Amino acid sequence: MKEYEVEITETLQMTVTVEANSAAEAERLVKAAYDNSEYILDADHFMGADIRTIEDVPERIGKPSVLDSLNALKEKTAAKPSDKPKTQENSL
């Protein structure tokens, strides 16, 4: 029998009404209130769940994670010598 990683993503949703001069201002006001814990979403705000298999675990063992791959690429890019042609100004 194989092992699988299965991801569960729940969606919570709340609609609030605010007075503002624009939609952008309304979003900023609600974000600030949300960040200040003025809106707390809980089980009453449940809208649904998405369940999907991420990958077959045994096949992934020994393979680098996506994060490992991104970090390696970042290090490789940072270590790459400049592709700029040498001029008198940057060769000093």
PDB file of N, CA and C in Angstrom:
ATOM      1  N   MET A   1       0.848  -1.178   0.000  1.00  0.00           N
ATOM      2  CA  MET A   1       0.000   0.000   0.000  1.00  0.00           C
ATOM      3  C   MET A   1       0.897   1.246   0.000  1.00  0.00           C
ATOM      4  N   LYS A   2       0.554   2.264  -0.760  1.00  0.00           N
ATOM      5  CA  LYS A   2       1.324   3.496  -0.862  1.00  0.00           C
ATOM      6  C   LYS A   2       0.831   4.530   0.145  1.00  0.00           C
ATOM      7  N   GLU A   3       1.689   5.527   0.416  1.00  0.00           N
ATOM      8  CA  GLU A   3       1.296   6.671   1.221  1.00  0.00           C
ATOM      9  C   GLU A   3       1.161   7.877   0.302  1.00  0.00           C
ATOM     10  N   TYR A   4       0.199   8.707   0.589  1.00  0.00           N
ATOM     11  CA  TYR A   4      -0.036   9.901  -0.198  1.00  0.00           C
ATOM     12  C   TYR A   4      -0.179  11.096   0.737  1.00  0.00           C
ATOM     13  N   GLU A   5       0.314  12.258   0.293  1.00  0.00           N
ATOM     14  CA  GLU A   5       0.052  13.490   1.014  1.00  0.00           C
ATOM     15  C   GLU A   5      -1.197  14.091   0.396  1.00  0.00           C
ATOM     16  N   VAL A   6      -2.168  14.355   1.234  1.00  0.00           N
ATOM     17  CA  VAL A   6      -3.425  14.920   0.767  1.00  0.00           C
ATOM     18  C   VAL A   6      -3.624  16.250   1.491  1.00  0.00           C
ATOM     19  N   GLU A   7      -3.805  17.296   0.706  1.00  0.00           N
ATOM     20  CA  GLU A   7      -3.953  18.643   1.242  1.00  0.00           C
ATOM     21  C   GLU A   7      -5.425  18.970   1.418  1.00  0.00           C
ATOM     22  N   ILE A   8      -5.769  19.549   2.574  1.00  0.00           N
ATOM     23  CA  ILE A   8      -7.136  19.986   2.844  1.00  0.00           C
ATOM     24  C   ILE A   8      -7.099  21.499   2.999  1.00  0.00           C
ATOM     25  N   THR A   9      -7.860  22.201   2.169  1.00  0.00           N
ATOM     26  CA  THR A   9      -7.931  23.661   2.250  1.00  0.00           C
ATOM     27  C   THR A   9      -9.376  24.045   2.535  1.00  0.00           C
ATOM     28  N   GLU A  10      -9.591  24.695   3.669  1.00  0.00           N
ATOM     29  CA  GLU A  10     -10.926  25.155   4.022  1.00  0.00           C
ATOM     30  C   GLU A  10     -11.076  26.624   3.638  1.00  0.00           C
ATOM     31  N   THR A  11     -12.274  26.984   3.237  1.00  0.00           N
ATOM     32  CA  THR A  11     -12.567  28.372   2.903  1.00  0.00           C
ATOM     33  C   THR A  11     -13.581  28.917   3.903  1.00  0.00           C
ATOM     34  N   LEU A  12     -13.191  30.013   4.557  1.00  0.00           N
ATOM     35  CA  LEU A  12     -14.086  30.740   5.453  1.00  0.00           C
ATOM     36  C   LEU A  12     -14.373  32.078   4.786  1.00  0.00           C
ATOM     37  N   GLN A  13     -15.607  32.570   4.920  1.00  0.00           N
ATOM     38  CA  GLN A  13     -15.958  33.817   4.259  1.00  0.00           C
ATOM     39  C   GLN A  13     -16.904  34.638   5.116  1.00  0.00           C
ATOM     40  N   MET A  14     -16.669  35.949   5.140  1.00  0.00           N
ATOM     41  CA  MET A  14     -17.532  36.889   5.849  1.00  0.00           C
ATOM     42  C   MET A  14     -17.690  38.115   4.959  1.00  0.00           C
ATOM     43  N   THR A  15     -18.886  38.645   4.900  1.00  0.00           N
ATOM     44  CA  THR A  15     -19.128  39.883   4.176  1.00  0.00           C
ATOM     45  C   THR A  15     -19.462  40.959   5.193  1.00  0.00           C
ATOM     46  N   VAL A  16     -18.777  42.094   5.093  1.00  0.00           N
ATOM     47  CA  VAL A  16     -19.025  43.217   6.003  1.00  0.00           C
ATOM     48  C   VAL A  16     -19.357  44.452   5.174  1.00  0.00           C
ATOM     49  N   THR A  17     -20.058  45.387   5.772  1.00  0.00           N
ATOM     50  CA  THR A  17     -20.411  46.632   5.109  1.00  0.00           C
ATOM     51  C   THR A  17     -19.689  47.773   5.807  1.00  0.00           C
ATOM     52  N   VAL A  18     -19.007  48.598   5.028  1.00  0.00           N
ATOM     53  CA  VAL A  18     -18.315  49.765   5.576  1.00  0.00           C
ATOM     54  C   VAL A  18     -18.627  50.979   4.708  1.00  0.00           C
ATOM     55  N   GLU A  19     -18.528  52.142   5.300  1.00  0.00           N
ATOM     56  CA  GLU A  19     -18.665  53.379   4.537  1.00  0.00           C
ATOM     57  C   GLU A  19     -17.275  53.846   4.160  1.00  0.00           C
ATOM     58  N   ALA A  20     -17.094  54.194   2.868  1.00  0.00           N
ATOM     59  CA  ALA A  20     -15.798  54.643   2.379  1.00  0.00           C
ATOM     60  C   ALA A  20     -15.999  55.488   1.128  1.00  0.00           C
ATOM     61  N   ASN A  21     -14.947  56.192   0.738  1.00  0.00           N
ATOM     62  CA  ASN A  21     -15.000  57.032  -0.467  1.00  0.00           C
ATOM     63  C   ASN A  21     -14.751  56.249  -1.749  1.00  0.00           C
ATOM     64  N   SER A  22     -14.207  55.038  -1.621  1.00  0.00           N
ATOM     65  CA  SER A  22     -13.926  54.222  -2.805  1.00  0.00           C
ATOM     66  C   SER A  22     -13.855  52.755  -2.386  1.00  0.00           C
ATOM     67  N   ALA A  23     -13.881  51.882  -3.377  1.00  0.00           N
ATOM     68  CA  ALA A  23     -13.755  50.445  -3.103  1.00  0.00           C
ATOM     69  C   ALA A  23     -12.386  50.144  -2.503  1.00  0.00           C
ATOM     70  N   ALA A  24     -11.343  50.823  -3.009  1.00  0.00           N
ATOM     71  CA  ALA A  24      -9.990  50.603  -2.485  1.00  0.00           C
ATOM     72  C   ALA A  24      -9.907  51.012  -1.022  1.00  0.00           C
ATOM     73  N   GLU A  25     -10.524  52.135  -0.679  1.00  0.00           N
ATOM     74  CA  GLU A  25     -10.522  52.578   0.726  1.00  0.00           C
ATOM     75  C   GLU A  25     -11.305  51.594   1.593  1.00  0.00           C
ATOM     76  N   ALA A  26     -12.420  51.097   1.069  1.00  0.00           N
ATOM     77  CA  ALA A  26     -13.218  50.122   1.824  1.00  0.00           C
ATOM     78  C   ALA A  26     -12.383  48.883   2.128  1.00  0.00           C
ATOM     79  N   GLU A  27     -11.639  48.397   1.132  1.00  0.00           N
ATOM     80  CA  GLU A  27     -10.784  47.228   1.352  1.00  0.00           C
ATOM     81  C   GLU A  27      -9.699  47.521   2.384  1.00  0.00           C
ATOM     82  N   ARG A  28      -9.095  48.711   2.307  1.00  0.00           N
ATOM     83  CA  ARG A  28      -8.057  49.081   3.286  1.00  0.00           C
ATOM     84  C   ARG A  28      -8.634  49.125   4.701  1.00  0.00           C
ATOM     85  N   LEU A  29      -9.838  49.694   4.837  1.00  0.00           N
ATOM     86  CA  LEU A  29     -10.475  49.777   6.152  1.00  0.00           C
ATOM     87  C   LEU A  29     -10.764  48.386   6.718  1.00  0.00           C
ATOM     88  N   VAL A  30     -11.292  47.509   5.860  1.00  0.00           N
ATOM     89  CA  VAL A  30     -11.630  46.153   6.316  1.00  0.00           C
ATOM     90  C   VAL A  30     -10.359  45.365   6.621  1.00  0.00           C
ATOM     91  N   LYS A  31      -9.322  45.523   5.802  1.00  0.00           N
ATOM     92  CA  LYS A  31      -8.055  44.823   6.071  1.00  0.00           C
ATOM     93  C   LYS A  31      -7.478  45.275   7.399  1.00  0.00           C
ATOM     94  N   ALA A  32      -7.495  46.574   7.658  1.00  0.00           N
ATOM     95  CA  ALA A  32      -6.976  47.092   8.928  1.00  0.00           C
ATOM     96  C   ALA A  32      -7.776  46.541  10.101  1.00  0.00           C
ATOM     97  N   ALA A  33      -9.098  46.506   9.967  1.00  0.00           N
ATOM     98  CA  ALA A  33      -9.937  45.965  11.034  1.00  0.00           C
ATOM     99  C   ALA A  33      -9.689  44.468  11.216  1.00  0.00           C
ATOM    100  N   TYR A  34      -9.539  43.754  10.113  1.00  0.00           N
ATOM    101  CA  TYR A  34      -9.265  42.315  10.172  1.00  0.00           C
ATOM    102  C   TYR A  34      -7.910  42.067  10.850  1.00  0.00           C
ATOM    103  N   ASP A  35      -6.896  42.828  10.434  1.00  0.00           N
ATOM    104  CA  ASP A  35      -5.560  42.684  11.030  1.00  0.00           C
ATOM    105  C   ASP A  35      -5.581  43.016  12.520  1.00  0.00           C
ATOM    106  N   ASN A  36      -6.530  43.847  12.935  1.00  0.00           N
ATOM    107  CA  ASN A  36      -6.671  44.241  14.342  1.00  0.00           C
ATOM    108  C   ASN A  36      -7.631  43.297  15.093  1.00  0.00           C
ATOM    109  N   SER A  37      -7.969  42.173  14.461  1.00  0.00           N
ATOM    110  CA  SER A  37      -8.844  41.137  15.040  1.00  0.00           C
ATOM    111  C   SER A  37     -10.257  41.627  15.331  1.00  0.00           C
ATOM    112  N   GLU A  38     -10.714  42.625  14.572  1.00  0.00           N
ATOM    113  CA  GLU A  38     -12.086  43.089  14.739  1.00  0.00           C
ATOM    114  C   GLU A  38     -13.067  42.153  14.032  1.00  0.00           C
ATOM    115  N   TYR A  39     -12.585  41.391  13.065  1.00  0.00           N
ATOM    116  CA  TYR A  39     -13.381  40.374  12.383  1.00  0.00           C
ATOM    117  C   TYR A  39     -12.702  39.028  12.628  1.00  0.00           C
ATOM    118  N   ILE A  40     -13.424  38.114  13.227  1.00  0.00           N
ATOM    119  CA  ILE A  40     -12.902  36.775  13.502  1.00  0.00           C
ATOM    120  C   ILE A  40     -13.768  35.767  12.752  1.00  0.00           C
ATOM    121  N   LEU A  41     -13.155  35.045  11.846  1.00  0.00           N
ATOM    122  CA  LEU A  41     -13.890  34.026  11.105  1.00  0.00           C
ATOM    123  C   LEU A  41     -13.761  32.687  11.831  1.00  0.00           C
ATOM    124  N   ASP A  42     -14.876  31.976  11.925  1.00  0.00           N
ATOM    125  CA  ASP A  42     -14.878  30.687  12.607  1.00  0.00           C
ATOM    126  C   ASP A  42     -15.746  29.701  11.835  1.00  0.00           C
ATOM    127  N   ALA A  43     -16.107  28.605  12.460  1.00  0.00           N
ATOM    128  CA  ALA A  43     -16.863  27.547  11.787  1.00  0.00           C
ATOM    129  C   ALA A  43     -18.190  28.049  11.208  1.00  0.00           C
ATOM    130  N   ASP A  44     -18.753  29.107  11.783  1.00  0.00           N
ATOM    131  CA  ASP A  44     -20.008  29.656  11.251  1.00  0.00           C
ATOM    132  C   ASP A  44     -19.812  30.282   9.869  1.00  0.00           C
ATOM    133  N   HIS A  45     -18.571  30.567   9.496  1.00  0.00           N
ATOM    134  CA  HIS A  45     -18.262  31.205   8.222  1.00  0.00           C
ATOM    135  C   HIS A  45     -17.735  30.206   7.181  1.00  0.00           C
ATOM    136  N   PHE A  46     -17.877  28.925   7.485  1.00  0.00           N
ATOM    137  CA  PHE A  46     -17.373  27.869   6.597  1.00  0.00           C
ATOM    138  C   PHE A  46     -18.133  27.877   5.278  1.00  0.00           C
ATOM    139  N   MET A  47     -17.376  27.905   4.162  1.00  0.00           N
ATOM    140  CA  MET A  47     -17.983  27.910   2.838  1.00  0.00           C
ATOM    141  C   MET A  47     -17.709  26.621   2.061  1.00  0.00           C
ATOM    142  N   GLY A  48     -16.704  25.865   2.468  1.00  0.00           N
ATOM    143  CA  GLY A  48     -16.402  24.634   1.761  1.00  0.00           C
ATOM    144  C   GLY A  48     -14.964  24.216   1.969  1.00  0.00           C
ATOM    145  N   ALA A  49     -14.631  23.079   1.401  1.00  0.00           N
ATOM    146  CA  ALA A  49     -13.277  22.545   1.518  1.00  0.00           C
ATOM    147  C   ALA A  49     -12.866  21.929   0.188  1.00  0.00           C
ATOM    148  N   ASP A  50     -11.584  22.057  -0.086  1.00  0.00           N
ATOM    149  CA  ASP A  50     -11.000  21.453  -1.283  1.00  0.00           C
ATOM    150  C   ASP A  50     -10.001  20.407  -0.807  1.00  0.00           C
ATOM    151  N   ILE A  51     -10.130  19.203  -1.300  1.00  0.00           N
ATOM    152  CA  ILE A  51      -9.228  18.122  -0.906  1.00  0.00           C
ATOM    153  C   ILE A  51      -8.558  17.595  -2.165  1.00  0.00           C
ATOM    154  N   ARG A  52      -7.209  17.601  -2.151  1.00  0.00           N
ATOM    155  CA  ARG A  52      -6.480  17.132  -3.344  1.00  0.00           C
ATOM    156  C   ARG A  52      -5.209  16.412  -2.923  1.00  0.00           C
ATOM    157  N   THR A  53      -4.855  15.414  -3.689  1.00  0.00           N
ATOM    158  CA  THR A  53      -3.619  14.673  -3.464  1.00  0.00           C
ATOM    159  C   THR A  53      -2.462  15.508  -3.993  1.00  0.00           C
ATOM    160  N   ILE A  54      -1.464  15.727  -3.141  1.00  0.00           N
ATOM    161  CA  ILE A  54      -0.300  16.511  -3.542  1.00  0.00           C
ATOM    162  C   ILE A  54       0.646  15.627  -4.338  1.00  0.00           C
ATOM    163  N   GLU A  55       1.048  14.522  -3.750  1.00  0.00           N
ATOM    164  CA  GLU A  55       1.895  13.579  -4.487  1.00  0.00           C
ATOM    165  C   GLU A  55       2.056  12.275  -3.717  1.00  0.00           C
ATOM    166  N   ASP A  56       2.556  11.313  -4.426  1.00  0.00           N
ATOM    167  CA  ASP A  56       2.843   9.995  -3.890  1.00  0.00           C
ATOM    168  C   ASP A  56       4.097  10.116  -3.026  1.00  0.00           C
ATOM    169  N   VAL A  57       3.990   9.938  -1.724  1.00  0.00           N
ATOM    170  CA  VAL A  57       5.105  10.164  -0.802  1.00  0.00           C
ATOM    171  C   VAL A  57       6.347   9.335  -1.127  1.00  0.00           C
ATOM    172  N   PRO A  58       6.257   8.016  -1.338  1.00  0.00           N
ATOM    173  CA  PRO A  58       7.482   7.256  -1.596  1.00  0.00           C
ATOM    174  C   PRO A  58       8.270   7.746  -2.809  1.00  0.00           C
ATOM    175  N   GLU A  59       7.589   8.241  -3.845  1.00  0.00           N
ATOM    176  CA  GLU A  59       8.293   8.731  -5.024  1.00  0.00           C
ATOM    177  C   GLU A  59       9.029  10.032  -4.750  1.00  0.00           C
ATOM    178  N   ARG A  60       8.605  10.785  -3.737  1.00  0.00           N
ATOM    179  CA  ARG A  60       9.216  12.071  -3.448  1.00  0.00           C
ATOM    180  C   ARG A  60      10.453  11.926  -2.571  1.00  0.00           C
ATOM    181  N   ILE A  61      10.577  10.856  -1.849  1.00  0.00           N
ATOM    182  CA  ILE A  61      11.699  10.675  -0.931  1.00  0.00           C
ATOM    183  C   ILE A  61      13.006  10.777  -1.703  1.00  0.00           C
ATOM    184  N   GLY A  62      13.903  11.617  -1.217  1.00  0.00           N
ATOM    185  CA  GLY A  62      15.191  11.811  -1.849  1.00  0.00           C
ATOM    186  C   GLY A  62      15.208  12.922  -2.875  1.00  0.00           C
ATOM    187  N   LYS A  63      14.038  13.398  -3.286  1.00  0.00           N
ATOM    188  CA  LYS A  63      13.971  14.497  -4.249  1.00  0.00           C
ATOM    189  C   LYS A  63      13.946  15.813  -3.470  1.00  0.00           C
ATOM    190  N   PRO A  64      14.580  16.844  -4.032  1.00  0.00           N
ATOM    191  CA  PRO A  64      14.541  18.120  -3.330  1.00  0.00           C
ATOM    192  C   PRO A  64      13.127  18.703  -3.349  1.00  0.00           C
ATOM    193  N   SER A  65      12.793  19.429  -2.305  1.00  0.00           N
ATOM    194  CA  SER A  65      11.494  20.089  -2.265  1.00  0.00           C
ATOM    195  C   SER A  65      11.526  21.296  -3.192  1.00  0.00           C
ATOM    196  N   VAL A  66      10.382  21.867  -3.443  1.00  0.00           N
ATOM    197  CA  VAL A  66      10.309  23.065  -4.276  1.00  0.00           C
ATOM    198  C   VAL A  66      11.126  24.177  -3.635  1.00  0.00           C
ATOM    199  N   LEU A  67      11.033  24.317  -2.315  1.00  0.00           N
ATOM    200  CA  LEU A  67      11.791  25.345  -1.606  1.00  0.00           C
ATOM    201  C   LEU A  67      13.292  25.118  -1.761  1.00  0.00           C
ATOM    202  N   ASP A  68      13.749  23.874  -1.643  1.00  0.00           N
ATOM    203  CA  ASP A  68      15.171  23.559  -1.841  1.00  0.00           C
ATOM    204  C   ASP A  68      15.611  23.948  -3.248  1.00  0.00           C
ATOM    205  N   SER A  69      14.777  23.646  -4.235  1.00  0.00           N
ATOM    206  CA  SER A  69      15.111  23.982  -5.620  1.00  0.00           C
ATOM    207  C   SER A  69      15.189  25.481  -5.832  1.00  0.00           C
ATOM    208  N   LEU A  70      14.252  26.234  -5.245  1.00  0.00           N
ATOM    209  CA  LEU A  70      14.280  27.690  -5.376  1.00  0.00           C
ATOM    210  C   LEU A  70      15.499  28.296  -4.698  1.00  0.00           C
ATOM    211  N   ASN A  71      15.853  27.782  -3.518  1.00  0.00           N
ATOM    212  CA  ASN A  71      17.035  28.282  -2.820  1.00  0.00           C
ATOM    213  C   ASN A  71      18.308  27.990  -3.611  1.00  0.00           C
ATOM    214  N   ALA A  72      18.392  26.820  -4.210  1.00  0.00           N
ATOM    215  CA  ALA A  72      19.564  26.469  -5.020  1.00  0.00           C
ATOM    216  C   ALA A  72      19.662  27.383  -6.229  1.00  0.00           C
ATOM    217  N   LEU A  73      18.537  27.681  -6.865  1.00  0.00           N
ATOM    218  CA  LEU A  73      18.530  28.573  -8.012  1.00  0.00           C
ATOM    219  C   LEU A  73      18.953  29.979  -7.599  1.00  0.00           C
ATOM    220  N   LYS A  74      18.471  30.422  -6.452  1.00  0.00           N
ATOM    221  CA  LYS A  74      18.830  31.750  -5.939  1.00  0.00           C
ATOM    222  C   LYS A  74      20.336  31.834  -5.691  1.00  0.00           C
ATOM    223  N   GLU A  75      20.907  30.802  -5.070  1.00  0.00           N
ATOM    224  CA  GLU A  75      22.344  30.782  -4.797  1.00  0.00           C
ATOM    225  C   GLU A  75      23.136  30.750  -6.099  1.00  0.00           C
ATOM    226  N   LYS A  76      22.670  29.969  -7.076  1.00  0.00           N
ATOM    227  CA  LYS A  76      23.357  29.866  -8.358  1.00  0.00           C
ATOM    228  C   LYS A  76      23.348  31.210  -9.078  1.00  0.00           C
ATOM    229  N   THR A  77      22.213  31.884  -9.039  1.00  0.00           N
ATOM    230  CA  THR A  77      22.081  33.187  -9.691  1.00  0.00           C
ATOM    231  C   THR A  77      22.964  34.219  -9.008  1.00  0.00           C
ATOM    232  N   ALA A  78      23.015  34.196  -7.679  1.00  0.00           N
ATOM    233  CA  ALA A  78      23.831  35.157  -6.928  1.00  0.00           C
ATOM    234  C   ALA A  78      25.314  34.927  -7.176  1.00  0.00           C
ATOM    235  N   ALA A  79      25.723  33.678  -7.402  1.00  0.00           N
ATOM    236  CA  ALA A  79      27.133  33.350  -7.601  1.00  0.00           C
ATOM    237  C   ALA A  79      27.580  33.540  -9.050  1.00  0.00           C
ATOM    238  N   LYS A  80      26.634  33.753  -9.959  1.00  0.00           N
ATOM    239  CA  LYS A  80      26.949  33.875 -11.387  1.00  0.00           C
ATOM    240  C   LYS A  80      27.715  35.174 -11.633  1.00  0.00           C
ATOM    241  N   PRO A  81      28.849  35.094 -12.336  1.00  0.00           N
ATOM    242  CA  PRO A  81      29.592  36.322 -12.624  1.00  0.00           C
ATOM    243  C   PRO A  81      28.779  37.232 -13.532  1.00  0.00           C
ATOM    244  N   SER A  82      29.087  38.497 -13.493  1.00  0.00           N
ATOM    245  CA  SER A  82      28.363  39.480 -14.275  1.00  0.00           C
ATOM    246  C   SER A  82      28.509  39.192 -15.764  1.00  0.00           C
ATOM    247  N   ASP A  83      27.406  39.339 -16.482  1.00  0.00           N
ATOM    248  CA  ASP A  83      27.422  39.142 -17.928  1.00  0.00           C
ATOM    249  C   ASP A  83      27.748  40.434 -18.673  1.00  0.00           C
ATOM    250  N   LYS A  84      27.939  41.540 -17.923  1.00  0.00           N
ATOM    251  CA  LYS A  84      28.218  42.820 -18.551  1.00  0.00           C
ATOM    252  C   LYS A  84      29.605  42.792 -19.173  1.00  0.00           C
ATOM    253  N   PRO A  85      29.745  43.360 -20.369  1.00  0.00           N
ATOM    254  CA  PRO A  85      31.086  43.440 -20.957  1.00  0.00           C
ATOM    255  C   PRO A  85      31.941  44.405 -20.130  1.00  0.00           C
ATOM    256  N   LYS A  86      33.200  44.084 -20.035  1.00  0.00           N
ATOM    257  CA  LYS A  86      34.089  44.936 -19.246  1.00  0.00           C
ATOM    258  C   LYS A  86      34.333  46.247 -19.983  1.00  0.00           C
ATOM    259  N   THR A  87      34.186  47.311 -19.247  1.00  0.00           N
ATOM    260  CA  THR A  87      34.524  48.630 -19.768  1.00  0.00           C
ATOM    261  C   THR A  87      35.571  49.208 -18.848  1.00  0.00           C
ATOM    262  N   GLN A  88      36.088  50.302 -19.222  1.00  0.00           N
ATOM    263  CA  GLN A  88      37.120  50.921 -18.384  1.00  0.00           C
ATOM    264  C   GLN A  88      36.564  51.229 -17.003  1.00  0.00           C
ATOM    265  N   GLU A  89      35.247  51.651 -16.931  1.00  0.00           N
ATOM    266  CA  GLU A  89      34.659  52.024 -15.665  1.00  0.00           C
ATOM    267  C   GLU A  89      34.474  50.834 -14.727  1.00  0.00           C
ATOM    268  N   ASN A  90      33.961  49.661 -15.236  1.00  0.00           N
ATOM    269  CA  ASN A  90      33.712  48.543 -14.338  1.00  0.00           C
ATOM    270  C   ASN A  90      34.852  47.544 -14.290  1.00  0.00           C
ATOM    271  N   SER A  91      35.967  47.825 -14.920  1.00  0.00           N
ATOM    272  CA  SER A  91      37.110  46.905 -14.821  1.00  0.00           C
ATOM    273  C   SER A  91      38.128  47.383 -13.815  1.00  0.00           C
ATOM    274  N   LEU A  92      37.896  48.523 -13.188  1.00  0.00           N
ATOM    275  CA  LEU A  92      38.840  49.046 -12.187  1.00  0.00           C
ATOM    276  C   LEU A  92      38.676  48.384 -10.872  1.00  0.00           C
TER     277      LEU A  92
END
